Amino acid sequence: MWKPRSGPAGHVDGGWWPWSRDLTAELPGLAAALTARMGHLTRVAYAVSEWDSAPRRLEIGGHVIRLDGLLDRDGHVLSVTGPEPNHLTLLVIPPEAVDTAGHRALMTASRRGNTERPADILAASGALVVPAALRPRHDTTEDDWEAEGGHVS
């Protein structure tokens, strides 16, 4: 979903909710949806921290799309470029988001006049998913056991 062409720009032009973090599997559907608005895609910029590894180029519908994985990119957005001057910045809803939260985030991102930051949209909607590497571990390790009064012989 994306905003109408008129109105204030804001941080994002709409939202996208992929099924997975496999960019090469997800892009054909996005490209098909965006073709009517902006023509064939020529470039996609994404945060490498949020996606599985992807090739530098991908052919979709007979057109080669350059994929630019960036280290310093906001992980909550994807920039897509078509023939000049067509460019959109899309909020990426985490694939793991629950249905109601993901839907709220999509509706907010595509609302005319929305100027909220991507992370704020996701947080307010409840769609902000903490990466697995940052989630607290819930397994019981020997160190945890000792900290709770157990002893190793």
N, C-alpha and C. Protein backbone atom coordinates (compact mmCIF):
# COMPACT_ATOMS: atom_id res chain seq x y z
N MET A 1 0.85 -1.18 0.00
CA MET A 1 0.00 0.00 0.00
C MET A 1 0.89 1.23 0.00
N TRP A 2 0.47 2.25 -0.72
CA TRP A 2 1.25 3.47 -0.74
C TRP A 2 0.33 4.68 -0.77
N LYS A 3 0.92 5.81 -0.42
CA LYS A 3 0.17 7.06 -0.34
C LYS A 3 -0.24 7.53 -1.73
N PRO A 4 -1.30 8.34 -1.78
CA PRO A 4 -1.60 9.01 -3.05
C PRO A 4 -0.42 9.91 -3.42
N ARG A 5 -0.27 10.23 -4.67
CA ARG A 5 0.88 11.02 -5.12
C ARG A 5 0.92 12.44 -4.57
N SER A 6 -0.20 13.00 -4.21
CA SER A 6 -0.21 14.38 -3.70
C SER A 6 -0.12 14.37 -2.17
N GLY A 7 0.23 15.50 -1.60
CA GLY A 7 0.31 15.62 -0.16
C GLY A 7 1.75 15.69 0.31
N PRO A 8 1.96 15.94 1.62
CA PRO A 8 3.32 16.03 2.14
C PRO A 8 4.03 14.69 2.03
N ALA A 9 5.31 14.74 1.79
CA ALA A 9 6.09 13.53 1.54
C ALA A 9 6.25 12.66 2.78
N GLY A 10 6.73 13.20 3.88
CA GLY A 10 6.98 12.39 5.07
C GLY A 10 8.21 11.51 4.89
N HIS A 11 8.36 10.55 5.78
CA HIS A 11 9.53 9.66 5.77
C HIS A 11 9.33 8.46 4.84
N VAL A 12 8.09 8.02 4.69
CA VAL A 12 7.81 6.87 3.83
C VAL A 12 6.66 7.21 2.89
N ASP A 13 6.66 6.52 1.75
CA ASP A 13 5.61 6.72 0.75
C ASP A 13 4.54 5.65 0.81
N GLY A 14 4.70 4.72 1.71
CA GLY A 14 3.76 3.62 1.86
C GLY A 14 4.42 2.50 2.62
N GLY A 15 3.79 1.33 2.57
CA GLY A 15 4.32 0.20 3.30
C GLY A 15 4.28 -1.07 2.49
N TRP A 16 5.09 -2.03 2.91
CA TRP A 16 5.16 -3.34 2.27
C TRP A 16 5.33 -4.38 3.36
N TRP A 17 4.56 -5.46 3.27
CA TRP A 17 4.61 -6.52 4.26
C TRP A 17 4.99 -7.82 3.59
N PRO A 18 6.29 -8.12 3.49
CA PRO A 18 6.71 -9.36 2.83
C PRO A 18 6.40 -10.58 3.70
N TRP A 19 6.32 -11.74 3.07
CA TRP A 19 6.06 -12.99 3.77
C TRP A 19 7.30 -13.53 4.47
N SER A 20 8.49 -13.15 3.97
CA SER A 20 9.73 -13.70 4.52
C SER A 20 10.83 -12.64 4.42
N ARG A 21 12.04 -13.02 4.81
CA ARG A 21 13.20 -12.14 4.71
C ARG A 21 14.08 -12.54 3.52
N ASP A 22 13.51 -13.28 2.59
CA ASP A 22 14.20 -13.69 1.36
C ASP A 22 13.85 -12.67 0.28
N LEU A 23 14.71 -11.68 0.10
CA LEU A 23 14.44 -10.58 -0.81
C LEU A 23 14.22 -11.05 -2.25
N THR A 24 15.00 -12.03 -2.69
CA THR A 24 14.86 -12.50 -4.07
C THR A 24 13.52 -13.19 -4.30
N ALA A 25 12.97 -13.82 -3.27
CA ALA A 25 11.66 -14.45 -3.39
C ALA A 25 10.53 -13.43 -3.28
N GLU A 26 10.73 -12.38 -2.52
CA GLU A 26 9.68 -11.40 -2.26
C GLU A 26 9.57 -10.30 -3.32
N LEU A 27 10.69 -9.94 -3.94
CA LEU A 27 10.68 -8.81 -4.89
C LEU A 27 9.79 -8.98 -6.12
N PRO A 28 9.65 -10.16 -6.71
CA PRO A 28 8.78 -10.24 -7.88
C PRO A 28 7.34 -9.77 -7.61
N GLY A 29 6.79 -10.10 -6.46
CA GLY A 29 5.45 -9.64 -6.11
C GLY A 29 5.39 -8.13 -5.94
N LEU A 30 6.40 -7.56 -5.28
CA LEU A 30 6.44 -6.12 -5.10
C LEU A 30 6.60 -5.42 -6.44
N ALA A 31 7.50 -5.93 -7.28
CA ALA A 31 7.72 -5.33 -8.59
C ALA A 31 6.44 -5.33 -9.41
N ALA A 32 5.69 -6.43 -9.36
CA ALA A 32 4.44 -6.51 -10.10
C ALA A 32 3.44 -5.47 -9.60
N ALA A 33 3.38 -5.30 -8.28
CA ALA A 33 2.44 -4.34 -7.71
C ALA A 33 2.82 -2.89 -8.04
N LEU A 34 4.12 -2.61 -8.12
CA LEU A 34 4.58 -1.23 -8.34
C LEU A 34 4.67 -0.84 -9.81
N THR A 35 4.65 -1.80 -10.73
CA THR A 35 4.84 -1.50 -12.14
C THR A 35 3.83 -0.48 -12.66
N ALA A 36 2.57 -0.60 -12.26
CA ALA A 36 1.55 0.33 -12.74
C ALA A 36 1.82 1.75 -12.26
N ARG A 37 2.40 1.89 -11.09
CA ARG A 37 2.65 3.23 -10.54
C ARG A 37 3.94 3.86 -11.06
N MET A 38 4.99 3.05 -11.19
CA MET A 38 6.28 3.65 -11.49
C MET A 38 7.05 2.99 -12.63
N GLY A 39 6.46 2.07 -13.34
CA GLY A 39 7.19 1.38 -14.39
C GLY A 39 8.03 0.28 -13.79
N HIS A 40 8.86 -0.36 -14.59
CA HIS A 40 9.69 -1.45 -14.07
C HIS A 40 10.73 -0.90 -13.09
N LEU A 41 11.04 -1.71 -12.09
CA LEU A 41 12.03 -1.30 -11.10
C LEU A 41 13.42 -1.38 -11.70
N THR A 42 14.27 -0.44 -11.34
CA THR A 42 15.66 -0.45 -11.80
C THR A 42 16.64 -0.66 -10.65
N ARG A 43 16.23 -0.29 -9.43
CA ARG A 43 17.14 -0.39 -8.28
C ARG A 43 16.33 -0.57 -7.01
N VAL A 44 16.86 -1.38 -6.10
CA VAL A 44 16.28 -1.56 -4.77
C VAL A 44 17.42 -1.44 -3.76
N ALA A 45 17.27 -0.56 -2.79
CA ALA A 45 18.25 -0.39 -1.72
C ALA A 45 17.62 -0.92 -0.43
N TYR A 46 18.38 -1.75 0.29
CA TYR A 46 17.85 -2.40 1.48
C TYR A 46 18.95 -2.53 2.54
N ALA A 47 18.53 -2.77 3.77
CA ALA A 47 19.47 -2.97 4.88
C ALA A 47 19.87 -4.44 4.92
N VAL A 48 21.16 -4.71 4.79
CA VAL A 48 21.63 -6.10 4.80
C VAL A 48 21.33 -6.80 6.12
N SER A 49 21.21 -6.03 7.19
CA SER A 49 20.95 -6.63 8.50
C SER A 49 19.55 -7.23 8.62
N GLU A 50 18.64 -6.84 7.75
CA GLU A 50 17.24 -7.28 7.85
C GLU A 50 16.84 -8.36 6.85
N TRP A 51 17.72 -8.68 5.91
CA TRP A 51 17.37 -9.61 4.84
C TRP A 51 18.39 -10.72 4.72
N ASP A 52 17.93 -11.86 4.20
CA ASP A 52 18.86 -12.94 3.85
C ASP A 52 19.76 -12.41 2.74
N SER A 53 20.89 -13.08 2.53
CA SER A 53 21.80 -12.62 1.48
C SER A 53 21.09 -12.63 0.13
N ALA A 54 21.46 -11.69 -0.71
CA ALA A 54 20.83 -11.54 -2.02
C ALA A 54 21.91 -11.23 -3.05
N PRO A 55 21.65 -11.57 -4.31
CA PRO A 55 22.63 -11.24 -5.35
C PRO A 55 22.66 -9.74 -5.61
N ARG A 56 23.61 -9.28 -6.37
CA ARG A 56 23.74 -7.85 -6.69
C ARG A 56 22.72 -7.43 -7.75
N ARG A 57 22.27 -8.40 -8.54
CA ARG A 57 21.30 -8.11 -9.59
C ARG A 57 20.27 -9.24 -9.62
N LEU A 58 19.05 -8.86 -10.03
CA LEU A 58 17.96 -9.82 -10.12
C LEU A 58 17.14 -9.48 -11.36
N GLU A 59 16.84 -10.47 -12.16
CA GLU A 59 16.01 -10.23 -13.34
C GLU A 59 14.56 -10.58 -13.00
N ILE A 60 13.69 -9.60 -13.24
CA ILE A 60 12.26 -9.79 -13.01
C ILE A 60 11.52 -9.26 -14.22
N GLY A 61 10.73 -10.10 -14.84
CA GLY A 61 9.93 -9.67 -15.99
C GLY A 61 10.77 -9.15 -17.15
N GLY A 62 11.95 -9.70 -17.33
CA GLY A 62 12.81 -9.27 -18.42
C GLY A 62 13.61 -8.01 -18.14
N HIS A 63 13.52 -7.48 -16.93
CA HIS A 63 14.26 -6.27 -16.55
C HIS A 63 15.23 -6.61 -15.42
N VAL A 64 16.44 -6.11 -15.53
CA VAL A 64 17.43 -6.33 -14.48
C VAL A 64 17.30 -5.23 -13.43
N ILE A 65 17.21 -5.67 -12.19
CA ILE A 65 17.11 -4.75 -11.05
C ILE A 65 18.40 -4.84 -10.26
N ARG A 66 19.01 -3.70 -10.01
CA ARG A 66 20.23 -3.66 -9.19
C ARG A 66 19.80 -3.69 -7.72
N LEU A 67 20.38 -4.60 -6.95
CA LEU A 67 20.08 -4.70 -5.52
C LEU A 67 21.27 -4.16 -4.74
N ASP A 68 21.03 -3.12 -3.97
CA ASP A 68 22.09 -2.50 -3.18
C ASP A 68 21.86 -2.77 -1.70
N GLY A 69 22.63 -3.72 -1.16
CA GLY A 69 22.58 -3.99 0.26
C GLY A 69 23.47 -3.00 0.98
N LEU A 70 22.88 -2.24 1.89
CA LEU A 70 23.62 -1.18 2.57
C LEU A 70 23.75 -1.49 4.06
N LEU A 71 24.93 -1.20 4.61
CA LEU A 71 25.17 -1.45 6.02
C LEU A 71 24.57 -0.39 6.92
N ASP A 72 24.51 0.85 6.44
CA ASP A 72 24.05 1.95 7.28
C ASP A 72 22.60 2.34 7.00
N ARG A 73 21.86 1.48 6.38
CA ARG A 73 20.48 1.74 5.98
C ARG A 73 19.53 1.48 7.14
N ASP A 74 18.50 2.31 7.29
CA ASP A 74 17.44 2.05 8.26
C ASP A 74 16.81 0.71 7.90
N GLY A 75 16.82 -0.23 8.81
CA GLY A 75 16.30 -1.56 8.55
C GLY A 75 14.81 -1.62 8.33
N HIS A 76 14.11 -0.55 8.62
CA HIS A 76 12.65 -0.54 8.49
C HIS A 76 12.18 0.00 7.16
N VAL A 77 13.10 0.30 6.25
CA VAL A 77 12.69 0.85 4.95
C VAL A 77 13.38 0.12 3.80
N LEU A 78 12.73 0.24 2.66
CA LEU A 78 13.24 -0.28 1.40
C LEU A 78 13.03 0.83 0.39
N SER A 79 14.07 1.19 -0.34
CA SER A 79 13.94 2.23 -1.37
C SER A 79 13.90 1.55 -2.72
N VAL A 80 12.88 1.90 -3.50
CA VAL A 80 12.75 1.33 -4.83
C VAL A 80 12.78 2.46 -5.85
N THR A 81 13.48 2.23 -6.93
CA THR A 81 13.63 3.23 -7.98
C THR A 81 13.19 2.62 -9.29
N GLY A 82 12.46 3.41 -10.05
CA GLY A 82 12.07 3.02 -11.39
C GLY A 82 12.70 3.99 -12.36
N PRO A 83 12.17 4.06 -13.58
CA PRO A 83 12.70 5.05 -14.52
C PRO A 83 12.62 6.44 -13.90
N GLU A 84 13.63 7.25 -14.11
CA GLU A 84 13.68 8.59 -13.51
C GLU A 84 12.40 9.35 -13.79
N PRO A 85 11.86 10.07 -12.87
CA PRO A 85 12.29 10.37 -11.50
C PRO A 85 11.57 9.52 -10.46
N ASN A 86 11.09 8.36 -10.83
CA ASN A 86 10.27 7.53 -9.95
C ASN A 86 11.08 6.88 -8.84
N HIS A 87 10.70 7.20 -7.62
CA HIS A 87 11.39 6.69 -6.44
C HIS A 87 10.37 6.61 -5.30
N LEU A 88 10.37 5.49 -4.57
CA LEU A 88 9.52 5.34 -3.39
C LEU A 88 10.35 4.80 -2.23
N THR A 89 10.05 5.27 -1.04
CA THR A 89 10.62 4.71 0.18
C THR A 89 9.48 4.03 0.91
N LEU A 90 9.61 2.73 1.10
CA LEU A 90 8.54 1.95 1.72
C LEU A 90 8.93 1.48 3.11
N LEU A 91 7.98 1.59 4.03
CA LEU A 91 8.13 0.99 5.34
C LEU A 91 8.03 -0.52 5.15
N VAL A 92 8.97 -1.26 5.73
CA VAL A 92 8.92 -2.72 5.65
C VAL A 92 8.36 -3.24 6.98
N ILE A 93 7.20 -3.88 6.89
CA ILE A 93 6.59 -4.50 8.06
C ILE A 93 7.32 -5.83 8.28
N PRO A 94 7.82 -6.11 9.47
CA PRO A 94 8.51 -7.38 9.70
C PRO A 94 7.59 -8.56 9.37
N PRO A 95 8.10 -9.55 8.65
CA PRO A 95 7.27 -10.70 8.30
C PRO A 95 6.65 -11.38 9.53
N GLU A 96 7.31 -11.27 10.66
CA GLU A 96 6.85 -11.93 11.89
C GLU A 96 5.74 -11.17 12.61
N ALA A 97 5.40 -9.98 12.15
CA ALA A 97 4.39 -9.16 12.83
C ALA A 97 3.04 -9.87 12.82
N VAL A 98 2.28 -9.71 13.89
CA VAL A 98 0.94 -10.30 13.95
C VAL A 98 0.01 -9.50 13.02
N ASP A 99 -1.05 -10.15 12.57
CA ASP A 99 -1.93 -9.56 11.55
C ASP A 99 -2.46 -8.17 11.90
N THR A 100 -3.00 -7.98 13.09
CA THR A 100 -3.59 -6.69 13.42
C THR A 100 -2.54 -5.59 13.45
N ALA A 101 -1.38 -5.89 14.02
CA ALA A 101 -0.31 -4.89 14.10
C ALA A 101 0.24 -4.56 12.72
N GLY A 102 0.45 -5.57 11.90
CA GLY A 102 0.94 -5.34 10.54
C GLY A 102 -0.03 -4.52 9.72
N HIS A 103 -1.30 -4.82 9.85
CA HIS A 103 -2.32 -4.06 9.12
C HIS A 103 -2.35 -2.60 9.57
N ARG A 104 -2.27 -2.37 10.87
CA ARG A 104 -2.24 -0.99 11.39
C ARG A 104 -1.04 -0.23 10.84
N ALA A 105 0.11 -0.87 10.83
CA ALA A 105 1.33 -0.23 10.32
C ALA A 105 1.19 0.10 8.84
N LEU A 106 0.64 -0.83 8.05
CA LEU A 106 0.42 -0.56 6.62
C LEU A 106 -0.52 0.62 6.41
N MET A 107 -1.60 0.65 7.16
CA MET A 107 -2.58 1.73 7.01
C MET A 107 -1.96 3.08 7.39
N THR A 108 -1.18 3.11 8.45
CA THR A 108 -0.54 4.36 8.87
C THR A 108 0.48 4.82 7.84
N ALA A 109 1.31 3.91 7.36
CA ALA A 109 2.36 4.27 6.39
C ALA A 109 1.76 4.81 5.09
N SER A 110 0.59 4.33 4.71
CA SER A 110 0.00 4.74 3.43
C SER A 110 -1.03 5.86 3.58
N ARG A 111 -1.24 6.34 4.79
CA ARG A 111 -2.21 7.41 5.03
C ARG A 111 -1.70 8.75 4.49
N ARG A 112 -2.56 9.42 3.75
CA ARG A 112 -2.22 10.75 3.22
C ARG A 112 -1.85 11.67 4.38
N GLY A 113 -0.76 12.37 4.25
CA GLY A 113 -0.33 13.32 5.27
C GLY A 113 0.51 12.72 6.38
N ASN A 114 0.72 11.40 6.38
CA ASN A 114 1.53 10.78 7.43
C ASN A 114 2.98 11.24 7.31
N THR A 115 3.55 11.72 8.40
CA THR A 115 4.95 12.13 8.41
C THR A 115 5.73 11.46 9.55
N GLU A 116 5.19 10.38 10.11
CA GLU A 116 5.86 9.68 11.20
C GLU A 116 7.09 8.93 10.70
N ARG A 117 8.06 8.75 11.60
CA ARG A 117 9.26 7.99 11.27
C ARG A 117 8.91 6.50 11.22
N PRO A 118 9.65 5.73 10.39
CA PRO A 118 9.36 4.31 10.26
C PRO A 118 9.32 3.54 11.58
N ALA A 119 10.32 3.70 12.43
CA ALA A 119 10.33 2.97 13.70
C ALA A 119 9.16 3.37 14.59
N ASP A 120 8.76 4.64 14.52
CA ASP A 120 7.62 5.10 15.32
C ASP A 120 6.31 4.48 14.84
N ILE A 121 6.17 4.34 13.52
CA ILE A 121 4.97 3.69 12.97
C ILE A 121 4.89 2.25 13.46
N LEU A 122 6.01 1.53 13.36
CA LEU A 122 6.02 0.13 13.77
C LEU A 122 5.78 -0.02 15.27
N ALA A 123 6.40 0.84 16.06
CA ALA A 123 6.22 0.76 17.52
C ALA A 123 4.78 1.07 17.92
N ALA A 124 4.21 2.12 17.37
CA ALA A 124 2.84 2.52 17.71
C ALA A 124 1.82 1.46 17.29
N SER A 125 2.10 0.75 16.21
CA SER A 125 1.16 -0.26 15.72
C SER A 125 1.34 -1.60 16.42
N GLY A 126 2.46 -1.77 17.12
CA GLY A 126 2.76 -3.05 17.76
C GLY A 126 3.45 -4.03 16.82
N ALA A 127 3.89 -3.55 15.66
CA ALA A 127 4.51 -4.42 14.66
C ALA A 127 6.03 -4.46 14.76
N LEU A 128 6.62 -3.70 15.66
CA LEU A 128 8.07 -3.70 15.79
C LEU A 128 8.51 -5.00 16.45
N VAL A 129 9.24 -5.81 15.72
CA VAL A 129 9.67 -7.12 16.20
C VAL A 129 11.13 -7.03 16.59
N VAL A 130 11.46 -7.47 17.80
CA VAL A 130 12.84 -7.45 18.27
C VAL A 130 13.61 -8.57 17.58
N PRO A 131 14.76 -8.25 16.96
CA PRO A 131 15.55 -9.31 16.30
C PRO A 131 15.92 -10.42 17.27
N ALA A 132 16.00 -11.64 16.78
CA ALA A 132 16.30 -12.80 17.62
C ALA A 132 17.59 -12.62 18.41
N ALA A 133 18.59 -11.99 17.80
CA ALA A 133 19.88 -11.80 18.47
C ALA A 133 19.77 -10.89 19.69
N LEU A 134 18.74 -10.04 19.75
CA LEU A 134 18.60 -9.12 20.86
C LEU A 134 17.57 -9.58 21.89
N ARG A 135 16.84 -10.65 21.59
CA ARG A 135 15.83 -11.14 22.52
C ARG A 135 16.51 -11.83 23.70
N PRO A 136 15.94 -11.68 24.91
CA PRO A 136 16.52 -12.39 26.05
C PRO A 136 16.39 -13.89 25.85
N ARG A 137 17.43 -14.60 26.26
CA ARG A 137 17.39 -16.07 26.16
C ARG A 137 16.58 -16.63 27.31
N HIS A 138 15.83 -17.68 27.01
CA HIS A 138 15.00 -18.29 28.05
C HIS A 138 15.43 -19.73 28.34
N ASP A 139 16.61 -20.11 27.84
CA ASP A 139 17.08 -21.46 28.13
C ASP A 139 17.84 -21.45 29.46
N THR A 140 17.92 -22.60 30.08
CA THR A 140 18.62 -22.70 31.35
C THR A 140 20.01 -23.23 31.09
N THR A 141 20.99 -22.37 31.29
CA THR A 141 22.39 -22.78 31.12
C THR A 141 22.98 -23.05 32.48
N GLU A 142 24.16 -23.62 32.49
CA GLU A 142 24.84 -23.92 33.74
C GLU A 142 25.09 -22.65 34.55
N ASP A 143 25.44 -21.53 33.85
CA ASP A 143 25.68 -20.27 34.55
C ASP A 143 24.40 -19.76 35.21
N ASP A 144 23.28 -19.87 34.50
CA ASP A 144 22.00 -19.44 35.08
C ASP A 144 21.69 -20.28 36.31
N TRP A 145 21.93 -21.58 36.20
CA TRP A 145 21.62 -22.50 37.30
C TRP A 145 22.46 -22.14 38.52
N GLU A 146 23.76 -21.87 38.29
CA GLU A 146 24.62 -21.51 39.42
C GLU A 146 24.20 -20.18 40.03
N ALA A 147 23.79 -19.24 39.21
CA ALA A 147 23.36 -17.94 39.72
C ALA A 147 22.13 -18.06 40.59
N GLU A 148 21.35 -19.11 40.37
CA GLU A 148 20.14 -19.31 41.16
C GLU A 148 20.39 -20.20 42.37
N GLY A 149 21.64 -20.52 42.67
CA GLY A 149 21.95 -21.29 43.86
C GLY A 149 22.43 -22.71 43.60
N GLY A 150 22.46 -23.14 42.38
CA GLY A 150 22.97 -24.49 42.06
C GLY A 150 24.48 -24.47 42.08
N HIS A 151 25.08 -25.64 42.12
CA HIS A 151 26.53 -25.76 42.13
C HIS A 151 26.96 -26.85 41.18
N VAL A 152 28.06 -26.63 40.51
CA VAL A 152 28.64 -27.62 39.62
C VAL A 152 29.68 -28.39 40.40
N SER A 153 29.66 -29.70 40.29
CA SER A 153 30.63 -30.53 41.01
C SER A 153 31.85 -30.74 40.17
